Amino acid sequence: MKLSTIVIVRDEAANLTACLQSVTSSDEYVVVEYGSVDETCARATAAGATVIQTLDWPGFGQQKNRALSHARGEWVLSIDADERVTPELMAEINMAINSGEADAYEIPRLTQFCGQWIRHCGWTPDMVLRLFKRGSARFSDDLVHEKLVLKIPGARIGRLSEPLLHYSYRTPADYWSKLQRYSRDWALQRHRDGRKTTMSRAALSGVAAFLRSYIFRLGFLDGAMGFAVCSMQAQAAFGKYFELYCLHRQYEK
């Protein structure tokens, strides 16, 4: 097999079929599922995917490594259920894996927020390392915001030009639900590592995040939605440190 596509999912029946169908040149799909109560598994099976159901949630990094362990292709593409590979990107992926010029490739990701593509705010350019030779990399064990870590010394990293489309935040509710989960996991991981913080650090992080994304990363050029994105990023920055602050107080008692 030349290309394996791996996806980890939970309650992604609304997204999964279109996601898998967008990777038209994939030789296999590996879907690792946890805790779904919708038709996610049925949709994955109908799309021809190998479905692995897990009984626990170890975090994003380890869950992706589970998916990676089942891939059989020479190359692996890791995507999320709310992402789409355009025909132009698929053609570029095929050219990349046949060229032998690199061991892994970064892909520019373009994210949509409430129906508008966000081209500033620190969201663009958003280079994500997602395409790699199997055996050359693994995911970090982070609970959230996992990274792909290359295992080959001196590995060659290429860069594609066509964007990976990211339909992550279709409504404000989507954003808030993900923010809550990511903030909790981020804080839990750092609490386990012995980290702690203060309320002033949480407040300053929120202010700094807004100024950085709205002013220095030109979020104001995205109009009203740019302001909304930057405000929510400020809330995200405050929220994760506030979660960590509360965890420390809770276990200090």
C-alpha atoms as a PDB file:
ATOM      1  CA  MET A   1       0.000   0.000   0.000  1.00  0.00           C
ATOM      2  CA  LYS A   2       1.212   3.486  -0.836  1.00  0.00           C
ATOM      3  CA  LEU A   3      -0.940   5.711   1.405  1.00  0.00           C
ATOM      4  CA  SER A   4      -2.827   5.105   4.653  1.00  0.00           C
ATOM      5  CA  THR A   5      -5.178   7.718   6.101  1.00  0.00           C
ATOM      6  CA  ILE A   6      -5.644   7.658   9.875  1.00  0.00           C
ATOM      7  CA  VAL A   7      -8.406   9.428  11.820  1.00  0.00           C
ATOM      8  CA  ILE A   8      -9.379   9.386  15.504  1.00  0.00           C
ATOM      9  CA  VAL A   9     -13.032  10.105  16.202  1.00  0.00           C
ATOM     10  CA  ARG A  10     -15.814  10.484  18.722  1.00  0.00           C
ATOM     11  CA  ASP A  11     -19.369  11.287  17.611  1.00  0.00           C
ATOM     12  CA  GLU A  12     -18.249  12.359  14.128  1.00  0.00           C
ATOM     13  CA  ALA A  13     -21.022  10.793  12.034  1.00  0.00           C
ATOM     14  CA  ALA A  14     -21.844  14.185  10.496  1.00  0.00           C
ATOM     15  CA  ASN A  15     -18.260  14.701   9.307  1.00  0.00           C
ATOM     16  CA  LEU A  16     -16.601  11.370   8.752  1.00  0.00           C
ATOM     17  CA  THR A  17     -17.979  10.281   5.371  1.00  0.00           C
ATOM     18  CA  ALA A  18     -17.036  13.533   3.630  1.00  0.00           C
ATOM     19  CA  CYS A  19     -13.647  13.494   5.337  1.00  0.00           C
ATOM     20  CA  LEU A  20     -12.719  10.017   4.124  1.00  0.00           C
ATOM     21  CA  GLN A  21     -14.168  10.565   0.664  1.00  0.00           C
ATOM     22  CA  SER A  22     -11.980  13.633   0.225  1.00  0.00           C
ATOM     23  CA  VAL A  23      -8.800  11.514   0.429  1.00  0.00           C
ATOM     24  CA  THR A  24      -9.442   9.968  -2.948  1.00  0.00           C
ATOM     25  CA  SER A  25      -6.028   8.323  -3.425  1.00  0.00           C
ATOM     26  CA  SER A  26      -5.810   6.619  -0.037  1.00  0.00           C
ATOM     27  CA  ASP A  27      -5.234   2.862  -0.162  1.00  0.00           C
ATOM     28  CA  GLU A  28      -6.704   2.335   3.293  1.00  0.00           C
ATOM     29  CA  TYR A  29      -8.529   4.228   6.022  1.00  0.00           C
ATOM     30  CA  VAL A  30      -7.875   3.501   9.693  1.00  0.00           C
ATOM     31  CA  VAL A  31     -10.469   4.954  12.065  1.00  0.00           C
ATOM     32  CA  VAL A  32      -9.938   4.683  15.826  1.00  0.00           C
ATOM     33  CA  GLU A  33     -13.128   5.437  17.754  1.00  0.00           C
ATOM     34  CA  TYR A  34     -13.890   6.046  21.407  1.00  0.00           C
ATOM     35  CA  GLY A  35     -17.194   6.665  23.172  1.00  0.00           C
ATOM     36  CA  SER A  36     -19.442   7.508  20.204  1.00  0.00           C
ATOM     37  CA  VAL A  37     -23.199   7.371  20.664  1.00  0.00           C
ATOM     38  CA  ASP A  38     -24.051   8.304  17.075  1.00  0.00           C
ATOM     39  CA  GLU A  39     -23.486   6.407  13.806  1.00  0.00           C
ATOM     40  CA  THR A  40     -19.752   7.115  13.589  1.00  0.00           C
ATOM     41  CA  CYS A  41     -18.708   3.465  13.392  1.00  0.00           C
ATOM     42  CA  ALA A  42     -21.375   2.614  10.832  1.00  0.00           C
ATOM     43  CA  ARG A  43     -20.325   5.535   8.634  1.00  0.00           C
ATOM     44  CA  ALA A  44     -16.674   4.527   8.873  1.00  0.00           C
ATOM     45  CA  THR A  45     -17.440   0.933   7.955  1.00  0.00           C
ATOM     46  CA  ALA A  46     -19.616   2.026   5.039  1.00  0.00           C
ATOM     47  CA  ALA A  47     -16.711   4.129   3.743  1.00  0.00           C
ATOM     48  CA  GLY A  48     -14.489   1.043   3.731  1.00  0.00           C
ATOM     49  CA  ALA A  49     -12.427   1.945   6.793  1.00  0.00           C
ATOM     50  CA  THR A  50     -10.806  -0.409   9.259  1.00  0.00           C
ATOM     51  CA  VAL A  51     -12.518   0.534  12.529  1.00  0.00           C
ATOM     52  CA  ILE A  52     -10.841   0.055  15.904  1.00  0.00           C
ATOM     53  CA  GLN A  53     -12.987   0.785  18.949  1.00  0.00           C
ATOM     54  CA  THR A  54     -11.220   1.618  22.196  1.00  0.00           C
ATOM     55  CA  LEU A  55     -12.539   1.388  25.742  1.00  0.00           C
ATOM     56  CA  ASP A  56     -10.522   4.265  27.173  1.00  0.00           C
ATOM     57  CA  TRP A  57      -9.336   7.745  26.226  1.00  0.00           C
ATOM     58  CA  PRO A  58      -5.564   8.166  26.801  1.00  0.00           C
ATOM     59  CA  GLY A  59      -5.393  11.606  25.174  1.00  0.00           C
ATOM     60  CA  PHE A  60      -5.009  12.801  21.602  1.00  0.00           C
ATOM     61  CA  GLY A  61      -1.362  11.828  21.196  1.00  0.00           C
ATOM     62  CA  GLN A  62      -1.634   8.228  22.374  1.00  0.00           C
ATOM     63  CA  GLN A  63      -4.935   7.726  20.547  1.00  0.00           C
ATOM     64  CA  LYS A  64      -3.285   8.815  17.286  1.00  0.00           C
ATOM     65  CA  ASN A  65      -0.414   6.436  17.962  1.00  0.00           C
ATOM     66  CA  ARG A  66      -2.964   3.661  18.277  1.00  0.00           C
ATOM     67  CA  ALA A  67      -4.268   4.535  14.834  1.00  0.00           C
ATOM     68  CA  LEU A  68      -0.735   4.743  13.481  1.00  0.00           C
ATOM     69  CA  SER A  69       0.056   1.251  14.769  1.00  0.00           C
ATOM     70  CA  HIS A  70      -2.654  -0.183  12.497  1.00  0.00           C
ATOM     71  CA  ALA A  71      -1.573   1.631   9.318  1.00  0.00           C
ATOM     72  CA  ARG A  72       0.075  -0.503   6.650  1.00  0.00           C
ATOM     73  CA  GLY A  73       0.873   2.026   3.958  1.00  0.00           C
ATOM     74  CA  GLU A  74       4.339   3.221   3.020  1.00  0.00           C
ATOM     75  CA  TRP A  75       3.100   6.751   3.752  1.00  0.00           C
ATOM     76  CA  VAL A  76       0.628   7.963   6.378  1.00  0.00           C
ATOM     77  CA  LEU A  77      -1.700  10.961   6.250  1.00  0.00           C
ATOM     78  CA  SER A  78      -3.160  11.966   9.616  1.00  0.00           C
ATOM     79  CA  ILE A  79      -6.268  14.141   9.446  1.00  0.00           C
ATOM     80  CA  ASP A  80      -9.223  15.033  11.649  1.00  0.00           C
ATOM     81  CA  ALA A  81     -12.839  14.308  10.824  1.00  0.00           C
ATOM     82  CA  ASP A  82     -13.592  18.008  10.342  1.00  0.00           C
ATOM     83  CA  GLU A  83     -10.835  18.429   7.743  1.00  0.00           C
ATOM     84  CA  ARG A  84     -11.093  18.016   3.972  1.00  0.00           C
ATOM     85  CA  VAL A  85      -8.439  17.279   1.355  1.00  0.00           C
ATOM     86  CA  THR A  86      -9.151  19.216  -1.836  1.00  0.00           C
ATOM     87  CA  PRO A  87      -8.500  17.613  -5.252  1.00  0.00           C
ATOM     88  CA  GLU A  88      -5.593  20.032  -5.693  1.00  0.00           C
ATOM     89  CA  LEU A  89      -4.068  19.018  -2.352  1.00  0.00           C
ATOM     90  CA  MET A  90      -4.595  15.330  -3.150  1.00  0.00           C
ATOM     91  CA  ALA A  91      -2.699  15.753  -6.411  1.00  0.00           C
ATOM     92  CA  GLU A  92       0.124  17.506  -4.562  1.00  0.00           C
ATOM     93  CA  ILE A  93       0.238  14.728  -1.941  1.00  0.00           C
ATOM     94  CA  ASN A  94       0.548  12.112  -4.674  1.00  0.00           C
ATOM     95  CA  MET A  95       3.389  14.029  -6.303  1.00  0.00           C
ATOM     96  CA  ALA A  96       5.152  14.416  -2.945  1.00  0.00           C
ATOM     97  CA  ILE A  97       5.071  10.771  -1.927  1.00  0.00           C
ATOM     98  CA  ASN A  98       6.232   9.667  -5.367  1.00  0.00           C
ATOM     99  CA  SER A  99       9.091  12.143  -5.539  1.00  0.00           C
ATOM    100  CA  GLY A 100      11.213  10.772  -2.695  1.00  0.00           C
ATOM    101  CA  GLU A 101      12.380  14.288  -1.899  1.00  0.00           C
ATOM    102  CA  ALA A 102      11.382  14.308   1.793  1.00  0.00           C
ATOM    103  CA  ASP A 103      10.510  12.038   4.718  1.00  0.00           C
ATOM    104  CA  ALA A 104       7.578  14.159   5.909  1.00  0.00           C
ATOM    105  CA  TYR A 105       5.566  17.130   4.730  1.00  0.00           C
ATOM    106  CA  GLU A 106       3.928  20.127   6.352  1.00  0.00           C
ATOM    107  CA  ILE A 107       0.548  21.162   4.957  1.00  0.00           C
ATOM    108  CA  PRO A 108      -0.937  24.667   5.245  1.00  0.00           C
ATOM    109  CA  ARG A 109      -4.304  24.530   7.012  1.00  0.00           C
ATOM    110  CA  LEU A 110      -7.087  27.029   6.387  1.00  0.00           C
ATOM    111  CA  THR A 111      -9.722  27.198   9.137  1.00  0.00           C
ATOM    112  CA  GLN A 112     -13.323  28.321   8.838  1.00  0.00           C
ATOM    113  CA  PHE A 113     -15.083  30.031  11.751  1.00  0.00           C
ATOM    114  CA  CYS A 114     -18.875  30.374  11.634  1.00  0.00           C
ATOM    115  CA  GLY A 115     -18.891  30.283   7.835  1.00  0.00           C
ATOM    116  CA  GLN A 116     -15.917  32.614   7.227  1.00  0.00           C
ATOM    117  CA  TRP A 117     -12.391  31.597   6.294  1.00  0.00           C
ATOM    118  CA  ILE A 118      -9.990  33.200   8.785  1.00  0.00           C
ATOM    119  CA  ARG A 119      -6.816  34.416   7.069  1.00  0.00           C
ATOM    120  CA  HIS A 120      -5.137  36.227   9.965  1.00  0.00           C
ATOM    121  CA  CYS A 121      -5.388  36.084  13.797  1.00  0.00           C
ATOM    122  CA  GLY A 122      -2.434  33.681  13.895  1.00  0.00           C
ATOM    123  CA  TRP A 123      -4.584  31.032  12.223  1.00  0.00           C
ATOM    124  CA  THR A 124      -3.004  31.530   8.803  1.00  0.00           C
ATOM    125  CA  PRO A 125      -0.484  30.376   7.856  1.00  0.00           C
ATOM    126  CA  ASP A 126      -1.037  27.296  10.020  1.00  0.00           C
ATOM    127  CA  MET A 127       1.515  24.697   8.944  1.00  0.00           C
ATOM    128  CA  VAL A 128       0.718  21.215  10.260  1.00  0.00           C
ATOM    129  CA  LEU A 129       3.004  18.200   9.933  1.00  0.00           C
ATOM    130  CA  ARG A 130       0.605  15.473   8.819  1.00  0.00           C
ATOM    131  CA  LEU A 131       2.118  13.480   5.930  1.00  0.00           C
ATOM    132  CA  PHE A 132       5.047  11.182   6.682  1.00  0.00           C
ATOM    133  CA  LYS A 133       6.715   7.888   5.901  1.00  0.00           C
ATOM    134  CA  ARG A 134       5.446   5.143   8.160  1.00  0.00           C
ATOM    135  CA  GLY A 135       8.074   4.274  10.752  1.00  0.00           C
ATOM    136  CA  SER A 136       9.714   7.676  10.554  1.00  0.00           C
ATOM    137  CA  ALA A 137       7.599   9.408  13.196  1.00  0.00           C
ATOM    138  CA  ARG A 138       5.221   9.053  16.122  1.00  0.00           C
ATOM    139  CA  PHE A 139       2.910  11.391  17.991  1.00  0.00           C
ATOM    140  CA  SER A 140       3.865  12.918  21.324  1.00  0.00           C
ATOM    141  CA  ASP A 141       1.987  11.615  24.366  1.00  0.00           C
ATOM    142  CA  ASP A 142       0.342  14.978  25.070  1.00  0.00           C
ATOM    143  CA  LEU A 143      -3.285  14.853  26.190  1.00  0.00           C
ATOM    144  CA  VAL A 144      -4.038  17.754  23.836  1.00  0.00           C
ATOM    145  CA  HIS A 145      -2.116  19.741  21.200  1.00  0.00           C
ATOM    146  CA  GLU A 146      -0.088  16.657  20.348  1.00  0.00           C
ATOM    147  CA  LYS A 147       2.832  16.964  17.919  1.00  0.00           C
ATOM    148  CA  LEU A 148       4.268  14.640  15.313  1.00  0.00           C
ATOM    149  CA  VAL A 149       7.837  13.793  16.345  1.00  0.00           C
ATOM    150  CA  LEU A 150      10.234  12.556  13.673  1.00  0.00           C
ATOM    151  CA  LYS A 151      12.391   9.615  14.746  1.00  0.00           C
ATOM    152  CA  ILE A 152      14.939   9.774  11.901  1.00  0.00           C
ATOM    153  CA  PRO A 153      18.022  11.932  12.580  1.00  0.00           C
ATOM    154  CA  GLY A 154      18.309  14.539   9.861  1.00  0.00           C
ATOM    155  CA  ALA A 155      14.865  13.752   8.464  1.00  0.00           C
ATOM    156  CA  ARG A 156      13.948  15.863   5.455  1.00  0.00           C
ATOM    157  CA  ILE A 157      10.777  17.918   5.893  1.00  0.00           C
ATOM    158  CA  GLY A 158       9.055  19.292   2.803  1.00  0.00           C
ATOM    159  CA  ARG A 159       6.235  21.787   2.563  1.00  0.00           C
ATOM    160  CA  LEU A 160       3.114  21.562   0.409  1.00  0.00           C
ATOM    161  CA  SER A 161       1.319  24.628  -0.918  1.00  0.00           C
ATOM    162  CA  GLU A 162      -2.339  23.605  -1.307  1.00  0.00           C
ATOM    163  CA  PRO A 163      -4.409  24.102   1.879  1.00  0.00           C
ATOM    164  CA  LEU A 164      -6.072  21.481   4.040  1.00  0.00           C
ATOM    165  CA  LEU A 165      -9.571  22.810   4.702  1.00  0.00           C
ATOM    166  CA  HIS A 166     -10.603  22.844   8.362  1.00  0.00           C
ATOM    167  CA  TYR A 167     -14.308  23.159   9.216  1.00  0.00           C
ATOM    168  CA  SER A 168     -13.727  23.106  12.947  1.00  0.00           C
ATOM    169  CA  TYR A 169     -16.007  25.829  14.267  1.00  0.00           C
ATOM    170  CA  ARG A 170     -19.324  25.890  12.406  1.00  0.00           C
ATOM    171  CA  THR A 171     -21.076  27.609  15.335  1.00  0.00           C
ATOM    172  CA  PRO A 172     -19.967  29.422  18.506  1.00  0.00           C
ATOM    173  CA  ALA A 173     -21.184  26.382  20.441  1.00  0.00           C
ATOM    174  CA  ASP A 174     -18.632  24.220  18.602  1.00  0.00           C
ATOM    175  CA  TYR A 175     -15.868  26.564  19.706  1.00  0.00           C
ATOM    176  CA  TRP A 176     -16.938  26.716  23.347  1.00  0.00           C
ATOM    177  CA  SER A 177     -17.309  22.946  23.661  1.00  0.00           C
ATOM    178  CA  LYS A 178     -13.838  22.331  22.229  1.00  0.00           C
ATOM    179  CA  LEU A 179     -12.353  25.143  24.301  1.00  0.00           C
ATOM    180  CA  GLN A 180     -13.682  23.585  27.496  1.00  0.00           C
ATOM    181  CA  ARG A 181     -12.265  20.151  26.677  1.00  0.00           C
ATOM    182  CA  TYR A 182      -8.876  21.431  25.500  1.00  0.00           C
ATOM    183  CA  SER A 183      -8.495  23.757  28.506  1.00  0.00           C
ATOM    184  CA  ARG A 184      -9.251  20.930  30.912  1.00  0.00           C
ATOM    185  CA  ASP A 185      -6.815  18.507  29.261  1.00  0.00           C
ATOM    186  CA  TRP A 186      -4.089  21.159  28.953  1.00  0.00           C
ATOM    187  CA  ALA A 187      -4.391  22.037  32.643  1.00  0.00           C
ATOM    188  CA  LEU A 188      -4.547  18.403  33.760  1.00  0.00           C
ATOM    189  CA  GLN A 189      -1.362  17.530  31.912  1.00  0.00           C
ATOM    190  CA  ARG A 190       0.557  20.457  33.376  1.00  0.00           C
ATOM    191  CA  HIS A 191      -0.796  19.751  36.842  1.00  0.00           C
ATOM    192  CA  ARG A 192       0.531  16.207  36.539  1.00  0.00           C
ATOM    193  CA  ASP A 193       3.890  17.693  35.574  1.00  0.00           C
ATOM    194  CA  GLY A 194       3.922  19.725  38.787  1.00  0.00           C
ATOM    195  CA  ARG A 195       3.155  23.063  37.170  1.00  0.00           C
ATOM    196  CA  LYS A 196       1.092  25.736  38.904  1.00  0.00           C
ATOM    197  CA  THR A 197       0.041  29.284  38.148  1.00  0.00           C
ATOM    198  CA  THR A 198      -1.580  32.420  39.575  1.00  0.00           C
ATOM    199  CA  MET A 199      -4.741  34.321  38.785  1.00  0.00           C
ATOM    200  CA  SER A 200      -2.664  37.277  37.596  1.00  0.00           C
ATOM    201  CA  ARG A 201      -0.868  35.000  35.112  1.00  0.00           C
ATOM    202  CA  ALA A 202      -4.228  33.813  33.817  1.00  0.00           C
ATOM    203  CA  ALA A 203      -5.479  37.379  33.370  1.00  0.00           C
ATOM    204  CA  LEU A 204      -2.291  38.598  31.683  1.00  0.00           C
ATOM    205  CA  SER A 205      -2.328  35.587  29.354  1.00  0.00           C
ATOM    206  CA  GLY A 206      -5.810  36.513  28.175  1.00  0.00           C
ATOM    207  CA  VAL A 207      -4.888  40.138  27.520  1.00  0.00           C
ATOM    208  CA  ALA A 208      -1.651  39.189  25.764  1.00  0.00           C
ATOM    209  CA  ALA A 209      -3.434  36.638  23.573  1.00  0.00           C
ATOM    210  CA  PHE A 210      -5.930  39.227  22.362  1.00  0.00           C
ATOM    211  CA  LEU A 211      -3.305  41.866  21.592  1.00  0.00           C
ATOM    212  CA  ARG A 212      -1.077  39.340  19.841  1.00  0.00           C
ATOM    213  CA  SER A 213      -3.801  37.923  17.606  1.00  0.00           C
ATOM    214  CA  TYR A 214      -5.834  41.076  16.942  1.00  0.00           C
ATOM    215  CA  ILE A 215      -3.054  43.658  16.574  1.00  0.00           C
ATOM    216  CA  PHE A 216       0.251  41.955  15.826  1.00  0.00           C
ATOM    217  CA  ARG A 217      -1.210  39.079  13.793  1.00  0.00           C
ATOM    218  CA  LEU A 218      -3.626  41.402  11.988  1.00  0.00           C
ATOM    219  CA  GLY A 219      -6.847  39.844  13.214  1.00  0.00           C
ATOM    220  CA  PHE A 220      -8.628  43.146  12.608  1.00  0.00           C
ATOM    221  CA  LEU A 221      -8.317  42.480   8.856  1.00  0.00           C
ATOM    222  CA  ASP A 222     -10.809  39.613   9.245  1.00  0.00           C
ATOM    223  CA  GLY A 223     -13.509  42.065  10.315  1.00  0.00           C
ATOM    224  CA  ALA A 224     -16.167  41.197  12.863  1.00  0.00           C
ATOM    225  CA  MET A 225     -15.326  37.485  12.814  1.00  0.00           C
ATOM    226  CA  GLY A 226     -11.677  38.364  13.340  1.00  0.00           C
ATOM    227  CA  PHE A 227     -12.631  40.272  16.483  1.00  0.00           C
ATOM    228  CA  ALA A 228     -14.713  37.294  17.637  1.00  0.00           C
ATOM    229  CA  VAL A 229     -11.866  34.846  17.015  1.00  0.00           C
ATOM    230  CA  CYS A 230      -9.335  37.009  18.861  1.00  0.00           C
ATOM    231  CA  SER A 231     -11.725  37.511  21.788  1.00  0.00           C
ATOM    232  CA  MET A 232     -12.294  33.782  22.029  1.00  0.00           C
ATOM    233  CA  GLN A 233      -8.553  33.135  21.849  1.00  0.00           C
ATOM    234  CA  ALA A 234      -8.167  35.499  24.787  1.00  0.00           C
ATOM    235  CA  GLN A 235     -10.819  33.510  26.656  1.00  0.00           C
ATOM    236  CA  ALA A 236      -9.003  30.283  25.757  1.00  0.00           C
ATOM    237  CA  ALA A 237      -5.699  31.608  27.087  1.00  0.00           C
ATOM    238  CA  PHE A 238      -7.339  32.749  30.322  1.00  0.00           C
ATOM    239  CA  GLY A 239      -9.398  29.575  30.630  1.00  0.00           C
ATOM    240  CA  LYS A 240      -6.537  27.079  30.483  1.00  0.00           C
ATOM    241  CA  TYR A 241      -4.535  28.914  33.148  1.00  0.00           C
ATOM    242  CA  PHE A 242      -7.653  29.341  35.264  1.00  0.00           C
ATOM    243  CA  GLU A 243      -8.252  25.578  35.053  1.00  0.00           C
ATOM    244  CA  LEU A 244      -4.673  24.978  36.192  1.00  0.00           C
ATOM    245  CA  TYR A 245      -5.069  27.489  39.029  1.00  0.00           C
ATOM    246  CA  CYS A 246      -8.235  25.758  40.242  1.00  0.00           C
ATOM    247  CA  LEU A 247      -6.643  22.306  40.031  1.00  0.00           C
ATOM    248  CA  HIS A 248      -3.762  23.440  42.229  1.00  0.00           C
ATOM    249  CA  ARG A 249      -6.163  24.941  44.796  1.00  0.00           C
ATOM    250  CA  GLN A 250      -8.262  21.785  44.754  1.00  0.00           C
ATOM    251  CA  TYR A 251      -5.357  19.436  45.499  1.00  0.00           C
ATOM    252  CA  GLU A 252      -3.679  21.852  47.881  1.00  0.00           C
ATOM    253  CA  LYS A 253      -6.514  21.505  50.387  1.00  0.00           C
END
